[in-house]
Amino acid sequence: MKSYLIKNSDIMHKGKIFPEGSTIELDEQEASQLSNYLEELKDSSLITDHSSLTNNKEQITKNNKRSK
């Protein structure tokens, strides 16, 4: 599996949303289907784990609600 940077749009892969600018690991067949939205990463040190983004967004939304 290779690592790719997501560009131009958020993508959904296997029921999970990956935001633009995040990284994802895909095999060659999966990458070819999403090639318009991917840029291959050569340096694995750029890889970040965005699995907690969904939980963080939910928490921020809860904190930003206006009170009456």
Protein backbone atom coordinates (compact mmCIF):
# COMPACT_ATOMS: atom_id res chain seq x y z
CA MET A 1 0.00 0.00 0.00
CA LYS A 2 1.14 3.51 -0.81
CA SER A 3 0.35 6.77 0.93
CA TYR A 4 -1.48 9.58 -0.84
CA LEU A 5 -2.36 13.18 -0.07
CA ILE A 6 -6.00 14.04 -0.75
CA LYS A 7 -6.45 17.15 -2.90
CA ASN A 8 -9.30 19.17 -4.48
CA SER A 9 -12.09 17.60 -2.41
CA ASP A 10 -13.01 15.48 0.58
CA ILE A 11 -13.44 11.84 -0.37
CA MET A 12 -15.40 8.94 1.06
CA HIS A 13 -13.62 5.61 1.13
CA LYS A 14 -15.11 2.49 2.70
CA GLY A 15 -17.78 4.53 4.46
CA LYS A 16 -15.36 6.99 6.03
CA ILE A 17 -14.87 10.63 4.99
CA PHE A 18 -11.29 11.81 4.50
CA PRO A 19 -10.92 15.61 4.39
CA GLU A 20 -8.91 17.43 1.75
CA GLY A 21 -5.28 17.73 2.87
CA SER A 22 -5.25 14.50 4.86
CA THR A 23 -3.38 11.35 3.95
CA ILE A 24 -4.70 7.92 3.11
CA GLU A 25 -3.13 4.54 2.38
CA LEU A 26 -4.50 2.76 -0.69
CA ASP A 27 -3.52 -0.09 -2.97
CA GLU A 28 -2.92 0.68 -6.64
CA GLN A 29 -6.41 -0.31 -7.79
CA GLU A 30 -8.15 1.91 -5.23
CA ALA A 31 -5.78 4.78 -6.00
CA SER A 32 -6.44 4.54 -9.73
CA GLN A 33 -10.19 4.97 -9.11
CA LEU A 34 -9.54 8.13 -7.07
CA SER A 35 -6.55 9.41 -9.05
CA ASN A 36 -8.12 12.85 -9.72
CA TYR A 37 -8.12 13.52 -5.99
CA LEU A 38 -4.78 12.03 -4.94
CA GLU A 39 -1.11 12.93 -4.97
CA GLU A 40 1.34 10.17 -4.11
CA LEU A 41 3.54 10.84 -1.09
CA LYS A 42 7.15 9.81 -1.40
CA ASP A 43 8.13 10.68 2.20
CA SER A 44 6.29 8.69 4.86
CA SER A 45 7.16 11.31 7.52
CA LEU A 46 4.36 13.49 6.07
CA ILE A 47 1.73 10.91 6.98
CA THR A 48 -0.69 11.97 9.69
CA ASP A 49 -3.50 10.12 11.35
CA HIS A 50 -6.81 11.93 10.90
CA SER A 51 -8.98 9.24 12.46
CA SER A 52 -9.86 11.53 15.37
CA LEU A 53 -11.07 14.42 13.18
CA THR A 54 -14.69 13.30 13.27
CA ASN A 55 -14.76 13.22 17.06
CA ASN A 56 -13.02 16.59 17.29
CA LYS A 57 -15.51 18.20 14.89
CA GLU A 58 -18.43 16.86 16.95
CA GLN A 59 -16.91 18.24 20.14
CA ILE A 60 -16.28 21.67 18.58
CA THR A 61 -19.85 21.77 17.28
CA LYS A 62 -21.19 21.04 20.77
CA ASN A 63 -19.04 23.82 22.23
CA ASN A 64 -20.08 26.38 19.60
CA LYS A 65 -23.86 26.11 20.05
CA ARG A 66 -25.50 29.35 21.13
CA SER A 67 -27.42 29.45 24.34
CA LYS A 68 -30.79 31.16 24.54
